N, C-alpha and C. Protein backbone atom coordinates (compact mmCIF):
# COMPACT_ATOMS: atom_id res chain seq x y z
N UNK A 1 100.95 121.41 119.23
CA UNK A 1 101.48 120.29 118.47
C UNK A 1 100.61 120.05 117.24
N UNK A 2 101.23 119.83 116.07
CA UNK A 2 100.45 119.63 114.83
C UNK A 2 99.56 118.40 114.90
N UNK A 3 98.34 118.56 114.40
CA UNK A 3 97.39 117.46 114.35
C UNK A 3 96.81 117.39 112.93
N UNK A 4 96.71 116.18 112.40
CA UNK A 4 96.10 115.97 111.09
C UNK A 4 94.99 114.93 111.20
N UNK A 5 94.03 115.05 110.31
CA UNK A 5 93.03 114.01 110.15
C UNK A 5 93.31 113.33 108.83
N UNK A 6 93.68 112.06 108.89
CA UNK A 6 94.06 111.31 107.69
C UNK A 6 92.82 110.59 107.14
N UNK A 7 92.46 110.84 105.88
CA UNK A 7 91.26 110.22 105.30
C UNK A 7 91.45 108.72 105.05
N UNK A 8 90.43 107.94 105.36
CA UNK A 8 90.48 106.49 105.20
C UNK A 8 89.58 106.03 104.06
N UNK A 9 89.81 104.80 103.61
CA UNK A 9 89.04 104.26 102.48
C UNK A 9 87.56 104.14 102.80
N UNK A 10 87.23 103.90 104.07
CA UNK A 10 85.83 103.69 104.44
C UNK A 10 85.06 105.00 104.63
N UNK A 11 85.70 106.13 104.34
CA UNK A 11 85.04 107.41 104.47
C UNK A 11 85.27 108.08 105.81
N UNK A 12 85.81 107.35 106.77
CA UNK A 12 86.14 107.91 108.08
C UNK A 12 87.51 108.58 108.00
N UNK A 13 88.01 109.04 109.13
CA UNK A 13 89.35 109.62 109.18
C UNK A 13 90.01 109.28 110.51
N UNK A 14 91.33 109.38 110.54
CA UNK A 14 92.11 109.05 111.72
C UNK A 14 92.87 110.28 112.15
N UNK A 15 92.71 110.68 113.42
CA UNK A 15 93.42 111.85 113.92
C UNK A 15 94.80 111.45 114.40
N UNK A 16 95.84 112.06 113.81
CA UNK A 16 97.23 111.75 114.16
C UNK A 16 97.91 113.03 114.63
N UNK A 17 98.64 112.89 115.72
CA UNK A 17 99.33 114.03 116.32
C UNK A 17 100.84 113.80 116.28
N UNK A 18 101.61 114.86 116.04
CA UNK A 18 103.07 114.78 116.04
C UNK A 18 103.63 115.83 116.99
N UNK A 19 104.63 115.45 117.79
CA UNK A 19 105.23 116.42 118.70
C UNK A 19 106.58 116.91 118.17
N UNK A 20 107.24 117.76 118.95
CA UNK A 20 108.51 118.34 118.53
C UNK A 20 109.65 117.35 118.44
N UNK A 21 109.48 116.17 118.99
CA UNK A 21 110.51 115.13 118.92
C UNK A 21 110.23 114.16 117.77
N UNK A 22 109.32 114.54 116.91
CA UNK A 22 108.91 113.71 115.77
C UNK A 22 108.44 112.33 116.22
N UNK A 23 107.67 112.35 117.29
CA UNK A 23 106.94 111.16 117.73
C UNK A 23 105.48 111.34 117.33
N UNK A 24 104.77 110.22 117.21
CA UNK A 24 103.41 110.25 116.69
C UNK A 24 102.46 109.47 117.61
N UNK A 25 101.20 109.89 117.62
CA UNK A 25 100.19 109.14 118.36
C UNK A 25 98.82 109.37 117.73
N UNK A 26 97.91 108.45 118.01
CA UNK A 26 96.55 108.54 117.52
C UNK A 26 95.64 109.03 118.63
N UNK A 27 95.03 110.19 118.44
CA UNK A 27 93.98 110.70 119.32
C UNK A 27 94.29 110.53 120.81
N UNK A 28 95.43 111.07 121.21
CA UNK A 28 95.79 111.08 122.62
C UNK A 28 96.35 109.79 123.17
N UNK A 29 96.70 108.84 122.31
CA UNK A 29 97.25 107.56 122.76
C UNK A 29 98.72 107.66 123.10
N UNK A 30 99.39 106.52 123.11
CA UNK A 30 100.81 106.46 123.46
C UNK A 30 101.66 107.04 122.33
N UNK A 31 102.70 107.81 122.72
CA UNK A 31 103.61 108.36 121.72
C UNK A 31 104.46 107.23 121.14
N UNK A 32 104.57 107.20 119.80
CA UNK A 32 105.36 106.19 119.11
C UNK A 32 106.54 106.85 118.41
N UNK A 33 107.66 106.14 118.28
CA UNK A 33 108.83 106.73 117.63
C UNK A 33 108.61 106.94 116.14
N UNK A 34 109.34 107.91 115.59
CA UNK A 34 109.34 108.09 114.15
C UNK A 34 110.27 107.09 113.49
N UNK A 35 110.15 106.94 112.20
CA UNK A 35 110.95 105.93 111.49
C UNK A 35 112.44 106.22 111.57
N UNK A 36 112.83 107.50 111.63
CA UNK A 36 114.25 107.84 111.61
C UNK A 36 115.00 107.20 112.77
N UNK A 37 114.43 107.26 113.96
CA UNK A 37 115.11 106.68 115.13
C UNK A 37 115.18 105.17 115.02
N UNK A 38 114.20 104.55 114.39
CA UNK A 38 114.18 103.09 114.26
C UNK A 38 115.14 102.59 113.19
N UNK A 39 115.60 103.50 112.33
CA UNK A 39 116.50 103.11 111.24
C UNK A 39 117.97 103.35 111.57
N UNK A 40 118.26 103.78 112.78
CA UNK A 40 119.64 104.09 113.15
C UNK A 40 120.56 102.88 113.02
N UNK A 41 120.03 101.68 113.22
CA UNK A 41 120.85 100.48 113.15
C UNK A 41 121.41 100.23 111.76
N UNK A 42 120.78 100.79 110.72
CA UNK A 42 121.26 100.60 109.36
C UNK A 42 122.40 101.55 109.00
N UNK A 43 122.61 102.58 109.82
CA UNK A 43 123.60 103.60 109.50
C UNK A 43 124.95 103.25 110.11
N UNK A 44 125.42 102.05 109.85
CA UNK A 44 126.65 101.58 110.48
C UNK A 44 127.88 102.38 110.08
N UNK A 45 127.87 102.90 108.85
CA UNK A 45 129.03 103.67 108.40
C UNK A 45 128.83 105.16 108.48
N UNK A 46 127.75 105.57 109.09
CA UNK A 46 127.42 106.99 109.11
C UNK A 46 128.43 107.84 109.84
N UNK A 47 128.95 107.35 110.98
CA UNK A 47 129.88 108.16 111.77
C UNK A 47 131.18 108.37 111.01
N UNK A 48 131.71 107.27 110.44
CA UNK A 48 132.96 107.39 109.71
C UNK A 48 132.83 108.28 108.50
N UNK A 49 131.75 108.13 107.75
CA UNK A 49 131.53 108.98 106.58
C UNK A 49 131.36 110.43 107.00
N UNK A 50 130.66 110.65 108.10
CA UNK A 50 130.45 112.01 108.58
C UNK A 50 131.75 112.66 109.02
N UNK A 51 132.60 111.90 109.69
CA UNK A 51 133.89 112.44 110.11
C UNK A 51 134.75 112.79 108.90
N UNK A 52 134.75 111.92 107.89
CA UNK A 52 135.52 112.21 106.69
C UNK A 52 135.05 113.47 106.00
N UNK A 53 133.73 113.65 105.92
CA UNK A 53 133.17 114.85 105.30
C UNK A 53 133.53 116.09 106.11
N UNK A 54 133.46 116.00 107.45
CA UNK A 54 133.76 117.15 108.30
C UNK A 54 135.22 117.58 108.15
N UNK A 55 136.12 116.60 108.11
CA UNK A 55 137.54 116.93 107.93
C UNK A 55 137.78 117.58 106.57
N UNK A 56 137.12 117.07 105.54
CA UNK A 56 137.25 117.65 104.19
C UNK A 56 136.76 119.09 104.18
N UNK A 57 135.61 119.35 104.81
CA UNK A 57 135.08 120.70 104.86
C UNK A 57 136.03 121.65 105.60
N UNK A 58 136.58 121.17 106.70
CA UNK A 58 137.50 122.01 107.48
C UNK A 58 138.74 122.35 106.66
N UNK A 59 139.28 121.36 105.93
CA UNK A 59 140.47 121.62 105.10
C UNK A 59 140.15 122.64 104.00
N UNK A 60 138.98 122.50 103.37
CA UNK A 60 138.61 123.40 102.29
C UNK A 60 138.37 124.83 102.77
N UNK A 61 138.17 124.99 104.06
CA UNK A 61 137.94 126.33 104.63
C UNK A 61 139.10 126.76 105.52
N UNK A 62 140.30 126.37 105.11
CA UNK A 62 141.50 126.84 105.80
C UNK A 62 141.64 126.37 107.23
N UNK A 63 141.12 125.19 107.53
CA UNK A 63 141.23 124.66 108.89
C UNK A 63 140.15 125.14 109.82
N UNK A 64 139.14 125.81 109.30
CA UNK A 64 138.03 126.30 110.11
C UNK A 64 137.18 125.12 110.59
N UNK A 65 137.27 124.78 111.87
CA UNK A 65 136.57 123.63 112.41
C UNK A 65 135.07 123.87 112.54
N UNK A 66 134.66 125.11 112.39
CA UNK A 66 133.23 125.42 112.48
C UNK A 66 132.54 125.30 111.11
N UNK A 67 133.32 125.14 110.06
CA UNK A 67 132.75 125.08 108.70
C UNK A 67 131.78 123.92 108.53
N UNK A 68 132.08 122.70 109.03
CA UNK A 68 131.12 121.60 108.87
C UNK A 68 129.77 121.89 109.51
N UNK A 69 129.78 122.53 110.67
CA UNK A 69 128.50 122.85 111.33
C UNK A 69 127.69 123.82 110.49
N UNK A 70 128.34 124.84 109.95
CA UNK A 70 127.62 125.80 109.12
C UNK A 70 127.07 125.13 107.86
N UNK A 71 127.88 124.27 107.26
CA UNK A 71 127.43 123.58 106.04
C UNK A 71 126.26 122.65 106.34
N UNK A 72 126.31 121.96 107.48
CA UNK A 72 125.21 121.07 107.85
C UNK A 72 123.93 121.85 108.08
N UNK A 73 124.05 122.98 108.76
CA UNK A 73 122.87 123.81 109.00
C UNK A 73 122.30 124.34 107.69
N UNK A 74 123.18 124.76 106.78
CA UNK A 74 122.70 125.25 105.49
C UNK A 74 121.97 124.16 104.72
N UNK A 75 122.55 122.95 104.72
CA UNK A 75 121.91 121.83 104.02
C UNK A 75 120.55 121.51 104.63
N UNK A 76 120.47 121.53 105.97
CA UNK A 76 119.21 121.27 106.65
C UNK A 76 118.18 122.34 106.31
N UNK A 77 118.61 123.60 106.33
CA UNK A 77 117.70 124.70 106.01
C UNK A 77 117.20 124.59 104.56
N UNK A 78 118.10 124.23 103.64
CA UNK A 78 117.71 124.09 102.24
C UNK A 78 116.70 122.95 102.06
N UNK A 79 116.95 121.84 102.76
CA UNK A 79 116.03 120.71 102.67
C UNK A 79 114.67 121.04 103.24
N UNK A 80 114.66 121.73 104.39
CA UNK A 80 113.40 122.12 105.02
C UNK A 80 112.61 123.06 104.11
N UNK A 81 113.31 124.04 103.51
CA UNK A 81 112.64 124.99 102.62
C UNK A 81 112.10 124.30 101.38
N UNK A 82 112.87 123.35 100.83
CA UNK A 82 112.40 122.63 99.64
C UNK A 82 111.13 121.86 99.95
N UNK A 83 111.11 121.17 101.09
CA UNK A 83 109.89 120.45 101.48
C UNK A 83 108.70 121.39 101.59
N UNK A 84 108.92 122.55 102.20
CA UNK A 84 107.83 123.51 102.37
C UNK A 84 107.34 124.05 101.03
N UNK A 85 108.28 124.31 100.12
CA UNK A 85 107.90 124.85 98.82
C UNK A 85 107.18 123.80 97.96
N UNK A 86 107.61 122.55 98.04
CA UNK A 86 106.92 121.49 97.31
C UNK A 86 105.51 121.30 97.86
N UNK A 87 105.39 121.33 99.18
CA UNK A 87 104.06 121.19 99.79
C UNK A 87 103.13 122.31 99.32
N UNK A 88 103.64 123.54 99.30
CA UNK A 88 102.81 124.68 98.88
C UNK A 88 102.38 124.52 97.42
N UNK A 89 103.27 124.00 96.60
CA UNK A 89 102.93 123.80 95.19
C UNK A 89 101.84 122.75 95.04
N UNK A 90 101.97 121.64 95.77
CA UNK A 90 100.99 120.56 95.66
C UNK A 90 99.64 120.98 96.22
N UNK A 91 99.66 121.74 97.32
CA UNK A 91 98.41 122.11 97.99
C UNK A 91 97.65 123.20 97.24
N UNK A 92 98.36 124.25 96.81
CA UNK A 92 97.62 125.36 96.19
C UNK A 92 98.27 125.92 94.92
N UNK A 93 99.28 125.23 94.38
CA UNK A 93 99.87 125.67 93.13
C UNK A 93 100.89 126.79 93.23
N UNK A 94 101.31 127.15 94.44
CA UNK A 94 102.30 128.21 94.62
C UNK A 94 103.65 127.80 94.03
N UNK A 95 104.24 128.68 93.24
CA UNK A 95 105.54 128.42 92.62
C UNK A 95 106.59 129.30 93.28
N UNK A 96 107.54 128.68 93.97
CA UNK A 96 108.58 129.42 94.69
C UNK A 96 109.74 129.71 93.74
N UNK A 97 109.58 130.75 92.93
CA UNK A 97 110.56 131.06 91.89
C UNK A 97 111.93 131.44 92.47
N UNK A 98 111.96 131.90 93.73
CA UNK A 98 113.22 132.35 94.32
C UNK A 98 114.07 131.19 94.84
N UNK A 99 113.52 129.99 94.88
CA UNK A 99 114.25 128.82 95.39
C UNK A 99 114.73 127.99 94.21
N UNK A 100 116.04 128.02 93.90
CA UNK A 100 116.54 127.28 92.73
C UNK A 100 116.33 125.78 92.85
N UNK A 101 116.39 125.22 94.05
CA UNK A 101 116.18 123.79 94.21
C UNK A 101 114.74 123.41 93.84
N UNK A 102 113.79 124.25 94.27
CA UNK A 102 112.40 123.99 93.91
C UNK A 102 112.20 124.12 92.40
N UNK A 103 112.82 125.10 91.77
CA UNK A 103 112.68 125.30 90.32
C UNK A 103 113.19 124.07 89.57
N UNK A 104 114.33 123.53 90.01
CA UNK A 104 114.85 122.30 89.39
C UNK A 104 113.85 121.15 89.57
N UNK A 105 113.33 121.02 90.79
CA UNK A 105 112.36 119.96 91.06
C UNK A 105 111.13 120.11 90.17
N UNK A 106 110.63 121.33 90.06
CA UNK A 106 109.42 121.57 89.27
C UNK A 106 109.66 121.26 87.80
N UNK A 107 110.79 121.71 87.27
CA UNK A 107 111.06 121.53 85.85
C UNK A 107 111.31 120.08 85.48
N UNK A 108 111.99 119.35 86.35
CA UNK A 108 112.40 117.99 86.01
C UNK A 108 111.43 116.92 86.52
N UNK A 109 110.57 117.28 87.47
CA UNK A 109 109.68 116.27 88.04
C UNK A 109 108.30 116.80 88.39
N UNK A 110 108.25 117.87 89.14
CA UNK A 110 107.00 118.33 89.74
C UNK A 110 105.86 118.54 88.77
N UNK A 111 106.15 119.17 87.64
CA UNK A 111 105.09 119.48 86.68
C UNK A 111 104.67 118.26 85.87
N UNK A 112 105.38 117.14 86.03
CA UNK A 112 105.10 115.94 85.23
C UNK A 112 104.17 114.96 85.95
N UNK A 113 103.86 115.20 87.22
CA UNK A 113 103.07 114.28 88.01
C UNK A 113 101.74 114.90 88.41
N UNK A 114 100.76 114.04 88.72
CA UNK A 114 99.47 114.49 89.25
C UNK A 114 99.48 114.26 90.76
N UNK A 115 99.61 115.33 91.53
CA UNK A 115 99.77 115.22 92.98
C UNK A 115 98.42 115.27 93.68
N UNK A 116 98.26 114.45 94.71
CA UNK A 116 96.99 114.43 95.45
C UNK A 116 97.16 114.77 96.93
N UNK A 117 98.39 114.71 97.45
CA UNK A 117 98.58 114.99 98.88
C UNK A 117 100.05 115.30 99.14
N UNK A 118 100.30 116.02 100.24
CA UNK A 118 101.67 116.35 100.64
C UNK A 118 101.77 116.40 102.15
N UNK A 119 102.95 116.00 102.66
CA UNK A 119 103.27 116.07 104.09
C UNK A 119 102.16 115.46 104.94
N UNK A 120 101.88 114.19 104.71
CA UNK A 120 100.82 113.50 105.42
C UNK A 120 101.39 112.58 106.51
N UNK A 121 100.85 112.70 107.72
CA UNK A 121 101.25 111.81 108.81
C UNK A 121 100.71 110.40 108.56
N UNK A 122 101.53 109.41 108.89
CA UNK A 122 101.09 108.02 108.82
C UNK A 122 101.48 107.35 110.14
N UNK A 123 100.77 106.27 110.48
CA UNK A 123 101.05 105.62 111.76
C UNK A 123 100.74 104.13 111.67
N UNK A 124 101.58 103.36 112.35
CA UNK A 124 101.41 101.93 112.49
C UNK A 124 101.25 101.63 113.97
N UNK A 125 101.21 100.35 114.32
CA UNK A 125 101.05 100.00 115.73
C UNK A 125 102.29 100.34 116.56
N UNK A 126 103.46 100.49 115.91
CA UNK A 126 104.69 100.71 116.67
C UNK A 126 105.54 101.87 116.19
N UNK A 127 105.08 102.62 115.18
CA UNK A 127 105.86 103.76 114.69
C UNK A 127 104.97 104.70 113.89
N UNK A 128 105.51 105.89 113.66
CA UNK A 128 104.82 106.86 112.82
C UNK A 128 105.80 107.55 111.90
N UNK A 129 105.29 108.43 111.06
CA UNK A 129 106.16 109.15 110.14
C UNK A 129 105.38 110.15 109.33
N UNK A 130 106.09 110.89 108.49
CA UNK A 130 105.46 111.87 107.60
C UNK A 130 105.87 111.56 106.18
N UNK A 131 104.89 111.26 105.34
CA UNK A 131 105.16 110.95 103.94
C UNK A 131 105.13 112.25 103.16
N UNK A 132 106.15 112.47 102.33
CA UNK A 132 106.32 113.79 101.71
C UNK A 132 105.27 114.11 100.67
N UNK A 133 104.89 113.14 99.85
CA UNK A 133 103.90 113.42 98.80
C UNK A 133 103.32 112.13 98.26
N UNK A 134 102.16 112.25 97.62
CA UNK A 134 101.49 111.12 96.97
C UNK A 134 100.99 111.60 95.62
N UNK A 135 101.27 110.81 94.59
CA UNK A 135 100.79 111.13 93.24
C UNK A 135 99.89 110.00 92.75
N UNK A 136 99.14 110.29 91.70
CA UNK A 136 98.23 109.28 91.14
C UNK A 136 98.37 109.25 89.62
N UNK A 137 98.39 108.06 89.06
CA UNK A 137 98.46 107.89 87.61
C UNK A 137 97.06 107.86 87.01
N UNK A 138 96.97 107.86 85.68
CA UNK A 138 95.68 107.84 85.00
C UNK A 138 94.88 106.59 85.32
N UNK A 139 95.60 105.47 85.58
CA UNK A 139 94.91 104.22 85.89
C UNK A 139 94.53 104.10 87.35
N UNK A 140 94.79 105.17 88.13
CA UNK A 140 94.44 105.18 89.54
C UNK A 140 95.53 104.68 90.47
N UNK A 141 96.63 104.14 89.93
CA UNK A 141 97.73 103.66 90.76
C UNK A 141 98.39 104.83 91.48
N UNK A 142 98.56 104.69 92.78
CA UNK A 142 99.15 105.76 93.58
C UNK A 142 100.60 105.45 93.93
N UNK A 143 101.40 106.53 94.02
CA UNK A 143 102.82 106.41 94.33
C UNK A 143 103.16 107.28 95.53
N UNK A 144 103.89 106.71 96.47
CA UNK A 144 104.39 107.47 97.62
C UNK A 144 105.77 108.04 97.28
N UNK A 145 106.03 109.28 97.73
CA UNK A 145 107.27 109.97 97.41
C UNK A 145 107.97 110.45 98.68
N UNK A 146 109.29 110.45 98.60
CA UNK A 146 110.11 111.03 99.67
C UNK A 146 111.14 111.93 99.00
N UNK A 147 111.37 113.13 99.55
CA UNK A 147 112.34 114.07 98.97
C UNK A 147 113.61 114.09 99.80
N UNK A 148 114.74 114.04 99.12
CA UNK A 148 116.04 114.14 99.79
C UNK A 148 116.92 115.10 99.01
N UNK A 149 117.56 116.05 99.71
CA UNK A 149 118.55 116.90 99.05
C UNK A 149 119.92 116.26 99.26
N UNK A 150 120.74 116.31 98.21
CA UNK A 150 122.05 115.64 98.26
C UNK A 150 123.12 116.53 97.64
N UNK A 151 124.33 116.39 98.16
CA UNK A 151 125.51 116.96 97.52
C UNK A 151 125.82 116.11 96.30
N UNK A 152 126.07 116.73 95.16
CA UNK A 152 126.25 115.99 93.91
C UNK A 152 127.43 115.03 93.96
N UNK A 153 128.53 115.44 94.58
CA UNK A 153 129.70 114.57 94.66
C UNK A 153 129.38 113.31 95.47
N UNK A 154 128.67 113.49 96.57
CA UNK A 154 128.31 112.35 97.41
C UNK A 154 127.34 111.42 96.69
N UNK A 155 126.36 112.00 96.00
CA UNK A 155 125.39 111.16 95.30
C UNK A 155 126.05 110.39 94.15
N UNK A 156 126.93 111.06 93.42
CA UNK A 156 127.62 110.40 92.31
C UNK A 156 128.50 109.25 92.82
N UNK A 157 129.05 109.40 94.02
CA UNK A 157 129.95 108.40 94.57
C UNK A 157 129.20 107.24 95.21
N UNK A 158 128.16 107.58 96.01
CA UNK A 158 127.49 106.54 96.81
C UNK A 158 126.13 106.13 96.26
N UNK A 159 125.50 106.98 95.48
CA UNK A 159 124.20 106.64 94.92
C UNK A 159 123.07 106.71 95.95
N UNK A 160 121.92 106.09 95.65
CA UNK A 160 120.77 106.10 96.56
C UNK A 160 121.09 105.39 97.87
N UNK A 161 120.36 105.76 98.90
CA UNK A 161 120.57 105.19 100.23
C UNK A 161 119.58 104.07 100.53
N UNK A 162 120.09 102.99 101.10
CA UNK A 162 119.22 101.91 101.54
C UNK A 162 118.30 102.36 102.66
N UNK A 163 118.77 103.29 103.48
CA UNK A 163 117.97 103.80 104.58
C UNK A 163 116.73 104.52 104.03
N UNK A 164 116.92 105.30 102.97
CA UNK A 164 115.79 106.01 102.36
C UNK A 164 114.76 105.02 101.84
N UNK A 165 115.23 103.93 101.23
CA UNK A 165 114.31 102.90 100.72
C UNK A 165 113.54 102.26 101.85
N UNK A 166 114.22 101.95 102.94
CA UNK A 166 113.56 101.33 104.09
C UNK A 166 112.53 102.26 104.70
N UNK A 167 112.86 103.54 104.75
CA UNK A 167 111.95 104.51 105.36
C UNK A 167 110.65 104.63 104.58
N UNK A 168 110.73 104.82 103.27
CA UNK A 168 109.50 105.01 102.51
C UNK A 168 108.70 103.72 102.41
N UNK A 169 109.39 102.56 102.44
CA UNK A 169 108.66 101.29 102.45
C UNK A 169 107.84 101.16 103.73
N UNK A 170 108.39 101.65 104.84
CA UNK A 170 107.66 101.63 106.10
C UNK A 170 106.43 102.54 106.03
N UNK A 171 106.57 103.69 105.35
CA UNK A 171 105.43 104.59 105.19
C UNK A 171 104.31 103.92 104.39
N UNK A 172 104.68 103.24 103.31
CA UNK A 172 103.68 102.58 102.48
C UNK A 172 102.97 101.48 103.27
N UNK A 173 103.73 100.75 104.08
CA UNK A 173 103.13 99.71 104.91
C UNK A 173 102.15 100.31 105.91
N UNK A 174 102.50 101.47 106.45
CA UNK A 174 101.61 102.15 107.40
C UNK A 174 100.33 102.62 106.71
N UNK A 175 100.44 103.14 105.49
CA UNK A 175 99.26 103.56 104.74
C UNK A 175 98.28 102.40 104.59
N UNK A 176 98.82 101.22 104.27
CA UNK A 176 97.97 100.05 104.08
C UNK A 176 97.33 99.63 105.39
N UNK A 177 98.13 99.61 106.47
CA UNK A 177 97.63 99.19 107.77
C UNK A 177 96.55 100.14 108.30
N UNK A 178 96.66 101.42 107.98
CA UNK A 178 95.68 102.41 108.41
C UNK A 178 94.37 102.29 107.64
N UNK A 179 94.42 101.67 106.48
CA UNK A 179 93.27 101.71 105.60
C UNK A 179 93.13 103.07 104.96
N UNK A 180 94.28 103.69 104.63
CA UNK A 180 94.28 105.03 104.07
C UNK A 180 93.58 105.10 102.72
N UNK A 181 92.99 106.24 102.45
CA UNK A 181 92.44 106.49 101.12
C UNK A 181 93.54 106.45 100.08
N UNK A 182 94.76 106.80 100.50
CA UNK A 182 95.90 106.84 99.59
C UNK A 182 96.76 105.59 99.79
N UNK A 183 96.26 104.45 99.40
CA UNK A 183 97.00 103.20 99.50
C UNK A 183 97.90 103.07 98.27
N UNK A 184 99.20 103.11 98.46
CA UNK A 184 100.15 103.22 97.34
C UNK A 184 100.72 101.86 96.94
N UNK A 185 100.76 101.64 95.63
CA UNK A 185 101.33 100.40 95.12
C UNK A 185 102.79 100.51 94.77
N UNK A 186 103.29 101.75 94.63
CA UNK A 186 104.69 101.97 94.35
C UNK A 186 105.22 103.10 95.23
N UNK A 187 106.56 103.17 95.34
CA UNK A 187 107.20 104.22 96.13
C UNK A 187 108.46 104.67 95.42
N UNK A 188 108.72 105.97 95.47
CA UNK A 188 109.90 106.53 94.82
C UNK A 188 110.55 107.57 95.73
N UNK A 189 111.88 107.68 95.60
CA UNK A 189 112.63 108.71 96.30
C UNK A 189 113.15 109.68 95.25
N UNK A 190 112.86 110.96 95.45
CA UNK A 190 113.36 111.99 94.54
C UNK A 190 114.55 112.70 95.18
N UNK A 191 115.73 112.49 94.61
CA UNK A 191 116.96 113.11 95.11
C UNK A 191 117.20 114.41 94.34
N UNK A 192 117.24 115.53 95.07
CA UNK A 192 117.47 116.83 94.46
C UNK A 192 118.88 117.29 94.82
N UNK A 193 119.69 117.53 93.79
CA UNK A 193 121.08 117.94 94.02
C UNK A 193 121.13 119.40 94.49
N UNK A 194 121.94 119.65 95.51
CA UNK A 194 122.01 121.00 96.07
C UNK A 194 122.96 121.92 95.31
N UNK A 195 124.03 121.35 94.70
CA UNK A 195 125.11 122.20 94.21
C UNK A 195 125.38 122.08 92.71
N UNK A 196 125.08 120.94 92.11
CA UNK A 196 125.39 120.75 90.69
C UNK A 196 124.63 119.53 90.18
N UNK A 197 124.33 119.48 88.88
CA UNK A 197 123.65 118.31 88.33
C UNK A 197 124.57 117.10 88.28
N UNK A 198 123.99 115.92 88.30
CA UNK A 198 124.72 114.67 88.14
C UNK A 198 124.22 114.01 86.87
N UNK A 199 125.13 113.74 85.95
CA UNK A 199 124.77 113.17 84.64
C UNK A 199 123.71 114.03 83.95
N UNK A 200 123.85 115.34 84.10
CA UNK A 200 122.98 116.27 83.41
C UNK A 200 121.63 116.52 84.06
N UNK A 201 121.40 115.92 85.22
CA UNK A 201 120.09 116.08 85.88
C UNK A 201 120.26 116.58 87.31
N UNK A 202 119.37 117.49 87.69
CA UNK A 202 119.34 117.98 89.07
C UNK A 202 118.51 117.08 89.96
N UNK A 203 117.60 116.34 89.37
CA UNK A 203 116.70 115.48 90.15
C UNK A 203 116.83 114.04 89.65
N UNK A 204 117.09 113.13 90.57
CA UNK A 204 117.20 111.71 90.23
C UNK A 204 116.11 110.95 90.99
N UNK A 205 115.28 110.23 90.27
CA UNK A 205 114.18 109.47 90.86
C UNK A 205 114.53 107.99 90.91
N UNK A 206 114.39 107.40 92.09
CA UNK A 206 114.71 105.99 92.29
C UNK A 206 113.45 105.28 92.78
N UNK A 207 113.01 104.27 92.05
CA UNK A 207 111.87 103.47 92.50
C UNK A 207 112.36 102.42 93.51
N UNK A 208 111.61 102.28 94.58
CA UNK A 208 112.01 101.40 95.70
C UNK A 208 111.34 100.05 95.58
N UNK A 209 112.09 99.00 95.83
CA UNK A 209 111.51 97.66 95.97
C UNK A 209 110.88 97.60 97.36
N UNK A 210 109.56 97.60 97.42
CA UNK A 210 108.87 97.69 98.70
C UNK A 210 109.11 96.49 99.60
N UNK A 211 109.23 95.30 99.02
CA UNK A 211 109.48 94.11 99.84
C UNK A 211 110.86 94.18 100.50
N UNK A 212 111.88 94.52 99.70
CA UNK A 212 113.23 94.62 100.25
C UNK A 212 113.32 95.77 101.27
N UNK A 213 112.71 96.89 100.92
CA UNK A 213 112.76 98.04 101.82
C UNK A 213 112.11 97.76 103.16
N UNK A 214 110.94 97.09 103.13
CA UNK A 214 110.26 96.78 104.39
C UNK A 214 111.03 95.74 105.20
N UNK A 215 111.67 94.79 104.51
CA UNK A 215 112.49 93.80 105.23
C UNK A 215 113.64 94.50 105.96
N UNK A 216 114.26 95.48 105.31
CA UNK A 216 115.33 96.24 105.95
C UNK A 216 114.81 97.02 107.15
N UNK A 217 113.67 97.67 106.95
CA UNK A 217 113.10 98.45 108.06
C UNK A 217 112.77 97.55 109.24
N UNK A 218 112.13 96.42 108.99
CA UNK A 218 111.74 95.53 110.09
C UNK A 218 112.96 94.99 110.82
N UNK A 219 114.04 94.72 110.08
CA UNK A 219 115.26 94.23 110.72
C UNK A 219 115.85 95.31 111.63
N UNK A 220 115.89 96.53 111.14
CA UNK A 220 116.41 97.63 111.96
C UNK A 220 115.51 97.90 113.16
N UNK A 221 114.21 97.78 112.95
CA UNK A 221 113.24 97.97 114.03
C UNK A 221 113.48 96.95 115.14
N UNK A 222 113.73 95.69 114.76
CA UNK A 222 113.97 94.65 115.76
C UNK A 222 115.25 94.92 116.55
N UNK A 223 116.29 95.38 115.85
CA UNK A 223 117.55 95.69 116.54
C UNK A 223 117.35 96.85 117.51
N UNK A 224 116.62 97.88 117.07
CA UNK A 224 116.35 99.02 117.93
C UNK A 224 115.60 98.58 119.19
N UNK A 225 114.59 97.73 119.02
CA UNK A 225 113.80 97.25 120.16
C UNK A 225 114.66 96.42 121.11
N UNK A 226 115.53 95.57 120.55
CA UNK A 226 116.40 94.75 121.38
C UNK A 226 117.37 95.61 122.18
N UNK A 227 117.98 96.60 121.53
CA UNK A 227 118.90 97.50 122.23
C UNK A 227 118.19 98.25 123.36
N UNK A 228 116.96 98.71 123.07
CA UNK A 228 116.21 99.44 124.09
C UNK A 228 115.88 98.54 125.27
N UNK A 229 115.53 97.27 125.00
CA UNK A 229 115.22 96.31 126.07
C UNK A 229 116.43 96.07 126.95
N UNK A 230 117.59 95.90 126.33
CA UNK A 230 118.83 95.66 127.08
C UNK A 230 119.20 96.87 127.90
N UNK A 231 119.05 98.06 127.33
CA UNK A 231 119.36 99.29 128.07
C UNK A 231 118.43 99.47 129.26
N UNK A 232 117.15 99.17 129.04
CA UNK A 232 116.19 99.29 130.14
C UNK A 232 116.52 98.34 131.27
N UNK A 233 116.97 97.13 130.94
CA UNK A 233 117.38 96.17 131.97
C UNK A 233 118.55 96.71 132.77
N UNK A 234 119.49 97.34 132.05
CA UNK A 234 120.65 97.90 132.73
C UNK A 234 120.28 99.00 133.69
N UNK A 235 119.34 99.84 133.28
CA UNK A 235 118.88 100.93 134.15
C UNK A 235 118.19 100.38 135.38
N UNK A 236 117.32 99.37 135.18
CA UNK A 236 116.60 98.81 136.32
C UNK A 236 117.55 98.05 137.25
N UNK A 237 118.61 97.46 136.65
CA UNK A 237 119.54 96.69 137.48
C UNK A 237 120.38 97.58 138.36
């Protein structure tokens, strides 16, 4: 299982472990859920939107009901590869010229920022997560980043996701609670289009309101905890 030592402001470090279920713990302690599972309560329209997309994909492929699964896997693979290529660039300057999504990211965003960290585990008292990247400005202000790959038609229609804002706000709150060396005052989500540019750009950067994002995350967290409590009562009963 992957283990990281996260540097702290006081010169010490915190050992954080992540398992295959994307749960997190500190130095052999209790496993805590990742932010994604705690944000499920915000995805109220996710099933309906997903069904609509699946039916559209099947129609476009002559009624092939397996087309949505293949498209989902391809999108997941592309997103995973983009994250890996961005991490390699931030860590050691590797340029993945064969990945067009990475090339768009580098040209429109990557080469314009001063990066200090990538794919860093963060943890709070009740959750954990992985922050995609951290950059620093000339004045020392640090920014937390999250990468999302999107279909251009979907992004043009629906725009940025509130769930994404809530997730990265939770990461920033965890950085502060940990006493991280990388305490961020701002947070941004970089949306990379998979298939075509939107308004002439392949990469769209959205700055997150951290107060609103954290309020959303905490509300979803409370709903998740309440549902789990009720379910546990039902099992015990």
